[in-house]
């Protein structure tokens, strides 16, 4: 998980280089960049849907937590 799209794109290149050394490839049909910052998108991984959503804490401020929902 990265803070910016540029960081994510750089991370993908690093992962591709590592996987190439292991003689593996990223499945581009199943892989995509997802922005979790707007709490509307999520991603599926290991048969769970992962998504960030806002929760109000006792002090009245909003915090974001990750949810893992079974598919």
PDB file of N, CA and C in Angstrom:
ATOM      1  N   UNK A   1       0.845  -1.164   0.000  1.00  0.00           N
ATOM      2  CA  UNK A   1       0.000   0.000   0.000  1.00  0.00           C
ATOM      3  C   UNK A   1       0.895   1.232   0.000  1.00  0.00           C
ATOM      4  N   UNK A   2       0.581   2.149  -0.864  1.00  0.00           N
ATOM      5  CA  UNK A   2       1.402   3.337  -1.069  1.00  0.00           C
ATOM      6  C   UNK A   2       0.577   4.601  -0.845  1.00  0.00           C
ATOM      7  N   UNK A   3       1.264   5.701  -0.601  1.00  0.00           N
ATOM      8  CA  UNK A   3       0.576   6.973  -0.369  1.00  0.00           C
ATOM      9  C   UNK A   3       0.199   7.676  -1.670  1.00  0.00           C
ATOM     10  N   UNK A   4       0.966   7.461  -2.747  1.00  0.00           N
ATOM     11  CA  UNK A   4       0.685   8.149  -4.006  1.00  0.00           C
ATOM     12  C   UNK A   4       0.653   7.149  -5.153  1.00  0.00           C
ATOM     13  N   UNK A   5       0.054   7.583  -6.254  1.00  0.00           N
ATOM     14  CA  UNK A   5       0.010   6.723  -7.439  1.00  0.00           C
ATOM     15  C   UNK A   5       1.414   6.490  -7.965  1.00  0.00           C
ATOM     16  N   UNK A   6       2.274   7.522  -7.934  1.00  0.00           N
ATOM     17  CA  UNK A   6       3.657   7.352  -8.401  1.00  0.00           C
ATOM     18  C   UNK A   6       4.396   6.307  -7.568  1.00  0.00           C
ATOM     19  N   UNK A   7       4.204   6.327  -6.243  1.00  0.00           N
ATOM     20  CA  UNK A   7       4.828   5.306  -5.401  1.00  0.00           C
ATOM     21  C   UNK A   7       4.328   3.914  -5.781  1.00  0.00           C
ATOM     22  N   UNK A   8       3.029   3.808  -6.062  1.00  0.00           N
ATOM     23  CA  UNK A   8       2.460   2.512  -6.443  1.00  0.00           C
ATOM     24  C   UNK A   8       3.048   2.023  -7.763  1.00  0.00           C
ATOM     25  N   UNK A   9       3.155   2.919  -8.731  1.00  0.00           N
ATOM     26  CA  UNK A   9       3.720   2.540 -10.025  1.00  0.00           C
ATOM     27  C   UNK A   9       5.184   2.120  -9.897  1.00  0.00           C
ATOM     28  N   UNK A  10       5.949   2.818  -9.055  1.00  0.00           N
ATOM     29  CA  UNK A  10       7.348   2.434  -8.811  1.00  0.00           C
ATOM     30  C   UNK A  10       7.408   1.067  -8.125  1.00  0.00           C
ATOM     31  N   UNK A  11       6.492   0.833  -7.189  1.00  0.00           N
ATOM     32  CA  UNK A  11       6.458  -0.455  -6.475  1.00  0.00           C
ATOM     33  C   UNK A  11       6.170  -1.603  -7.428  1.00  0.00           C
ATOM     34  N   UNK A  12       5.289  -1.361  -8.386  1.00  0.00           N
ATOM     35  CA  UNK A  12       4.977  -2.393  -9.369  1.00  0.00           C
ATOM     36  C   UNK A  12       6.225  -2.778 -10.158  1.00  0.00           C
ATOM     37  N   UNK A  13       7.023  -1.787 -10.534  1.00  0.00           N
ATOM     38  CA  UNK A  13       8.248  -2.077 -11.281  1.00  0.00           C
ATOM     39  C   UNK A  13       9.226  -2.900 -10.441  1.00  0.00           C
ATOM     40  N   UNK A  14       9.332  -2.579  -9.158  1.00  0.00           N
ATOM     41  CA  UNK A  14      10.202  -3.344  -8.257  1.00  0.00           C
ATOM     42  C   UNK A  14       9.691  -4.781  -8.139  1.00  0.00           C
ATOM     43  N   UNK A  15       8.385  -4.927  -7.941  1.00  0.00           N
ATOM     44  CA  UNK A  15       7.810  -6.273  -7.841  1.00  0.00           C
ATOM     45  C   UNK A  15       8.017  -7.085  -9.112  1.00  0.00           C
ATOM     46  N   UNK A  16       7.843  -6.436 -10.269  1.00  0.00           N
ATOM     47  CA  UNK A  16       8.068  -7.131 -11.535  1.00  0.00           C
ATOM     48  C   UNK A  16       9.502  -7.611 -11.650  1.00  0.00           C
ATOM     49  N   UNK A  17      10.463  -6.782 -11.228  1.00  0.00           N
ATOM     50  CA  UNK A  17      11.877  -7.166 -11.298  1.00  0.00           C
ATOM     51  C   UNK A  17      12.164  -8.359 -10.384  1.00  0.00           C
ATOM     52  N   UNK A  18      11.602  -8.329  -9.178  1.00  0.00           N
ATOM     53  CA  UNK A  18      11.805  -9.439  -8.240  1.00  0.00           C
ATOM     54  C   UNK A  18      11.176 -10.708  -8.794  1.00  0.00           C
ATOM     55  N   UNK A  19       9.959 -10.586  -9.297  1.00  0.00           N
ATOM     56  CA  UNK A  19       9.268 -11.764  -9.811  1.00  0.00           C
ATOM     57  C   UNK A  19       9.953 -12.332 -11.046  1.00  0.00           C
ATOM     58  N   UNK A  20      10.540 -11.466 -11.862  1.00  0.00           N
ATOM     59  CA  UNK A  20      11.259 -11.946 -13.044  1.00  0.00           C
ATOM     60  C   UNK A  20      12.440 -12.818 -12.626  1.00  0.00           C
ATOM     61  N   UNK A  21      13.135 -12.409 -11.564  1.00  0.00           N
ATOM     62  CA  UNK A  21      14.258 -13.220 -11.077  1.00  0.00           C
ATOM     63  C   UNK A  21      13.785 -14.578 -10.566  1.00  0.00           C
ATOM     64  N   UNK A  22      12.535 -14.650 -10.123  1.00  0.00           N
ATOM     65  CA  UNK A  22      11.961 -15.903  -9.644  1.00  0.00           C
ATOM     66  C   UNK A  22      11.233 -16.665 -10.747  1.00  0.00           C
ATOM     67  N   UNK A  23      11.345 -16.137 -11.978  1.00  0.00           N
ATOM     68  CA  UNK A  23      10.692 -16.726 -13.145  1.00  0.00           C
ATOM     69  C   UNK A  23       9.165 -16.752 -12.983  1.00  0.00           C
ATOM     70  N   UNK A  24       8.624 -15.638 -12.446  1.00  0.00           N
ATOM     71  CA  UNK A  24       7.186 -15.476 -12.250  1.00  0.00           C
ATOM     72  C   UNK A  24       6.712 -14.206 -12.945  1.00  0.00           C
ATOM     73  N   UNK A  25       5.410 -14.076 -13.151  1.00  0.00           N
ATOM     74  CA  UNK A  25       4.821 -12.878 -13.754  1.00  0.00           C
ATOM     75  C   UNK A  25       3.604 -12.438 -12.966  1.00  0.00           C
ATOM     76  N   UNK A  26       3.308 -11.146 -13.001  1.00  0.00           N
ATOM     77  CA  UNK A  26       2.066 -10.627 -12.440  1.00  0.00           C
ATOM     78  C   UNK A  26       0.967 -10.863 -13.464  1.00  0.00           C
ATOM     79  N   UNK A  27      -0.151 -11.401 -13.039  1.00  0.00           N
ATOM     80  CA  UNK A  27      -1.290 -11.605 -13.922  1.00  0.00           C
ATOM     81  C   UNK A  27      -1.987 -10.258 -14.105  1.00  0.00           C
ATOM     82  N   UNK A  28      -1.802  -9.634 -15.264  1.00  0.00           N
ATOM     83  CA  UNK A  28      -2.344  -8.293 -15.499  1.00  0.00           C
ATOM     84  C   UNK A  28      -3.861  -8.290 -15.644  1.00  0.00           C
ATOM     85  N   UNK A  29      -4.466  -9.436 -15.947  1.00  0.00           N
ATOM     86  CA  UNK A  29      -5.927  -9.497 -16.018  1.00  0.00           C
ATOM     87  C   UNK A  29      -6.559  -9.442 -14.630  1.00  0.00           C
ATOM     88  N   UNK A  30      -5.859  -9.938 -13.630  1.00  0.00           N
ATOM     89  CA  UNK A  30      -6.385  -9.969 -12.270  1.00  0.00           C
ATOM     90  C   UNK A  30      -5.855  -8.830 -11.400  1.00  0.00           C
ATOM     91  N   UNK A  31      -4.862  -8.098 -11.881  1.00  0.00           N
ATOM     92  CA  UNK A  31      -4.199  -7.078 -11.075  1.00  0.00           C
ATOM     93  C   UNK A  31      -4.582  -5.681 -11.533  1.00  0.00           C
ATOM     94  N   UNK A  32      -4.758  -4.792 -10.568  1.00  0.00           N
ATOM     95  CA  UNK A  32      -5.063  -3.399 -10.884  1.00  0.00           C
ATOM     96  C   UNK A  32      -4.708  -2.522  -9.693  1.00  0.00           C
ATOM     97  N   UNK A  33      -4.529  -1.236  -9.959  1.00  0.00           N
ATOM     98  CA  UNK A  33      -4.326  -0.261  -8.893  1.00  0.00           C
ATOM     99  C   UNK A  33      -5.685   0.176  -8.370  1.00  0.00           C
ATOM    100  N   UNK A  34      -5.823   0.230  -7.057  1.00  0.00           N
ATOM    101  CA  UNK A  34      -7.074   0.654  -6.445  1.00  0.00           C
ATOM    102  C   UNK A  34      -6.765   1.760  -5.450  1.00  0.00           C
ATOM    103  N   UNK A  35      -7.501   2.858  -5.542  1.00  0.00           N
ATOM    104  CA  UNK A  35      -7.351   3.944  -4.572  1.00  0.00           C
ATOM    105  C   UNK A  35      -8.241   3.660  -3.374  1.00  0.00           C
ATOM    106  N   UNK A  36      -7.636   3.532  -2.211  1.00  0.00           N
ATOM    107  CA  UNK A  36      -8.393   3.316  -0.989  1.00  0.00           C
ATOM    108  C   UNK A  36      -8.679   4.625  -0.260  1.00  0.00           C
ATOM    109  N   UNK A  37      -8.179   5.731  -0.772  1.00  0.00           N
ATOM    110  CA  UNK A  37      -8.292   7.012  -0.065  1.00  0.00           C
ATOM    111  C   UNK A  37      -9.708   7.555  -0.043  1.00  0.00           C
ATOM    112  N   UNK A  38     -10.558   7.196  -0.999  1.00  0.00           N
ATOM    113  CA  UNK A  38     -11.909   7.755  -1.017  1.00  0.00           C
ATOM    114  C   UNK A  38     -12.947   6.828  -0.389  1.00  0.00           C
ATOM    115  N   UNK A  39     -12.548   5.769   0.229  1.00  0.00           N
ATOM    116  CA  UNK A  39     -13.354   4.759   0.926  1.00  0.00           C
ATOM    117  C   UNK A  39     -14.522   4.187   0.124  1.00  0.00           C
ATOM    118  N   UNK A  40     -14.424   4.219  -1.210  1.00  0.00           N
ATOM    119  CA  UNK A  40     -15.468   3.611  -2.034  1.00  0.00           C
ATOM    120  C   UNK A  40     -14.974   2.363  -2.747  1.00  0.00           C
ATOM    121  N   UNK A  41     -13.676   2.250  -2.956  1.00  0.00           N
ATOM    122  CA  UNK A  41     -13.102   1.103  -3.661  1.00  0.00           C
ATOM    123  C   UNK A  41     -12.461   0.139  -2.681  1.00  0.00           C
ATOM    124  N   UNK A  42     -12.245  -1.048  -3.153  1.00  0.00           N
ATOM    125  CA  UNK A  42     -11.546  -2.047  -2.374  1.00  0.00           C
ATOM    126  C   UNK A  42     -10.907  -3.032  -3.330  1.00  0.00           C
ATOM    127  N   UNK A  43     -10.434  -4.142  -2.790  1.00  0.00           N
ATOM    128  CA  UNK A  43      -9.820  -5.152  -3.647  1.00  0.00           C
ATOM    129  C   UNK A  43     -10.072  -6.530  -3.056  1.00  0.00           C
ATOM    130  N   UNK A  44     -10.094  -7.525  -3.923  1.00  0.00           N
ATOM    131  CA  UNK A  44     -10.279  -8.910  -3.517  1.00  0.00           C
ATOM    132  C   UNK A  44      -8.921  -9.584  -3.436  1.00  0.00           C
ATOM    133  N   UNK A  45      -8.700 -10.292  -2.317  1.00  0.00           N
ATOM    134  CA  UNK A  45      -7.449 -11.012  -2.121  1.00  0.00           C
ATOM    135  C   UNK A  45      -7.720 -12.176  -1.180  1.00  0.00           C
ATOM    136  N   UNK A  46      -7.294 -13.349  -1.567  1.00  0.00           N
ATOM    137  CA  UNK A  46      -7.468 -14.571  -0.788  1.00  0.00           C
ATOM    138  C   UNK A  46      -8.928 -14.767  -0.380  1.00  0.00           C
ATOM    139  N   UNK A  47      -9.816 -14.570  -1.334  1.00  0.00           N
ATOM    140  CA  UNK A  47     -11.257 -14.784  -1.174  1.00  0.00           C
ATOM    141  C   UNK A  47     -11.910 -13.855  -0.145  1.00  0.00           C
ATOM    142  N   UNK A  48     -11.263 -12.718   0.147  1.00  0.00           N
ATOM    143  CA  UNK A  48     -11.832 -11.690   1.008  1.00  0.00           C
ATOM    144  C   UNK A  48     -11.838 -10.368   0.253  1.00  0.00           C
ATOM    145  N   UNK A  49     -12.827  -9.530   0.545  1.00  0.00           N
ATOM    146  CA  UNK A  49     -12.845  -8.182  -0.033  1.00  0.00           C
ATOM    147  C   UNK A  49     -12.294  -7.233   1.027  1.00  0.00           C
ATOM    148  N   UNK A  50     -11.237  -6.495   0.685  1.00  0.00           N
ATOM    149  CA  UNK A  50     -10.573  -5.570   1.600  1.00  0.00           C
ATOM    150  C   UNK A  50     -10.963  -4.154   1.209  1.00  0.00           C
ATOM    151  N   UNK A  51     -11.381  -3.361   2.204  1.00  0.00           N
ATOM    152  CA  UNK A  51     -11.840  -2.004   1.923  1.00  0.00           C
ATOM    153  C   UNK A  51     -11.636  -1.132   3.143  1.00  0.00           C
ATOM    154  N   UNK A  52     -11.327   0.136   2.924  1.00  0.00           N
ATOM    155  CA  UNK A  52     -11.166   1.109   3.997  1.00  0.00           C
ATOM    156  C   UNK A  52     -12.492   1.840   4.174  1.00  0.00           C
ATOM    157  N   UNK A  53     -12.899   2.080   5.433  1.00  0.00           N
ATOM    158  CA  UNK A  53     -14.109   2.860   5.652  1.00  0.00           C
ATOM    159  C   UNK A  53     -13.962   3.706   6.912  1.00  0.00           C
ATOM    160  N   UNK A  54     -14.705   4.837   6.969  1.00  0.00           N
ATOM    161  CA  UNK A  54     -14.577   5.755   8.110  1.00  0.00           C
ATOM    162  C   UNK A  54     -15.378   5.273   9.326  1.00  0.00           C
ATOM    163  N   UNK A  55     -14.826   5.532  10.515  1.00  0.00           N
ATOM    164  CA  UNK A  55     -15.488   5.232  11.786  1.00  0.00           C
ATOM    165  C   UNK A  55     -15.269   6.436  12.697  1.00  0.00           C
ATOM    166  N   UNK A  56     -16.307   6.831  13.403  1.00  0.00           N
ATOM    167  CA  UNK A  56     -16.175   7.921  14.362  1.00  0.00           C
ATOM    168  C   UNK A  56     -15.666   7.336  15.678  1.00  0.00           C
ATOM    169  N   UNK A  57     -14.609   7.933  16.247  1.00  0.00           N
ATOM    170  CA  UNK A  57     -14.108   7.448  17.529  1.00  0.00           C
ATOM    171  C   UNK A  57     -14.800   8.197  18.669  1.00  0.00           C
ATOM    172  N   UNK A  58     -14.512   7.816  19.899  1.00  0.00           N
ATOM    173  CA  UNK A  58     -15.190   8.404  21.062  1.00  0.00           C
ATOM    174  C   UNK A  58     -14.964   9.903  21.169  1.00  0.00           C
ATOM    175  N   UNK A  59     -13.847  10.394  20.670  1.00  0.00           N
ATOM    176  CA  UNK A  59     -13.544  11.822  20.729  1.00  0.00           C
ATOM    177  C   UNK A  59     -14.283  12.628  19.668  1.00  0.00           C
ATOM    178  N   UNK A  60     -15.008  11.959  18.789  1.00  0.00           N
ATOM    179  CA  UNK A  60     -15.780  12.642  17.768  1.00  0.00           C
ATOM    180  C   UNK A  60     -15.046  12.858  16.460  1.00  0.00           C
ATOM    181  N   UNK A  61     -13.813  12.385  16.353  1.00  0.00           N
ATOM    182  CA  UNK A  61     -13.093  12.544  15.085  1.00  0.00           C
ATOM    183  C   UNK A  61     -13.217  11.268  14.258  1.00  0.00           C
ATOM    184  N   UNK A  62     -13.036  11.431  12.967  1.00  0.00           N
ATOM    185  CA  UNK A  62     -13.164  10.312  12.032  1.00  0.00           C
ATOM    186  C   UNK A  62     -11.805   9.644  11.844  1.00  0.00           C
ATOM    187  N   UNK A  63     -11.793   8.320  11.939  1.00  0.00           N
ATOM    188  CA  UNK A  63     -10.598   7.533  11.644  1.00  0.00           C
ATOM    189  C   UNK A  63     -10.994   6.513  10.580  1.00  0.00           C
ATOM    190  N   UNK A  64     -10.019   5.993   9.874  1.00  0.00           N
ATOM    191  CA  UNK A  64     -10.283   5.003   8.819  1.00  0.00           C
ATOM    192  C   UNK A  64      -9.712   3.662   9.233  1.00  0.00           C
ATOM    193  N   UNK A  65     -10.482   2.619   9.004  1.00  0.00           N
ATOM    194  CA  UNK A  65     -10.054   1.259   9.328  1.00  0.00           C
ATOM    195  C   UNK A  65     -10.232   0.399   8.080  1.00  0.00           C
ATOM    196  N   UNK A  66      -9.473  -0.699   8.029  1.00  0.00           N
ATOM    197  CA  UNK A  66      -9.603  -1.644   6.927  1.00  0.00           C
ATOM    198  C   UNK A  66     -10.570  -2.739   7.352  1.00  0.00           C
ATOM    199  N   UNK A  67     -11.452  -3.093   6.442  1.00  0.00           N
ATOM    200  CA  UNK A  67     -12.416  -4.146   6.679  1.00  0.00           C
ATOM    201  C   UNK A  67     -12.089  -5.310   5.747  1.00  0.00           C
ATOM    202  N   UNK A  68     -12.278  -6.518   6.241  1.00  0.00           N
ATOM    203  CA  UNK A  68     -12.049  -7.727   5.460  1.00  0.00           C
ATOM    204  C   UNK A  68     -13.364  -8.504   5.450  1.00  0.00           C
ATOM    205  N   UNK A  69     -14.048  -8.497   4.334  1.00  0.00           N
ATOM    206  CA  UNK A  69     -15.369  -9.098   4.220  1.00  0.00           C
ATOM    207  C   UNK A  69     -15.269 -10.374   3.392  1.00  0.00           C
ATOM    208  N   UNK A  70     -15.836 -11.454   3.908  1.00  0.00           N
ATOM    209  CA  UNK A  70     -15.864 -12.707   3.135  1.00  0.00           C
ATOM    210  C   UNK A  70     -16.708 -12.548   1.909  1.00  0.00           C
ATOM    211  N   UNK A  71     -16.251 -13.133   0.810  1.00  0.00           N
ATOM    212  CA  UNK A  71     -17.008 -13.065  -0.450  1.00  0.00           C
ATOM    213  C   UNK A  71     -18.078 -14.118  -0.490  1.00  0.00           C
TER     214      UNK A  71
END
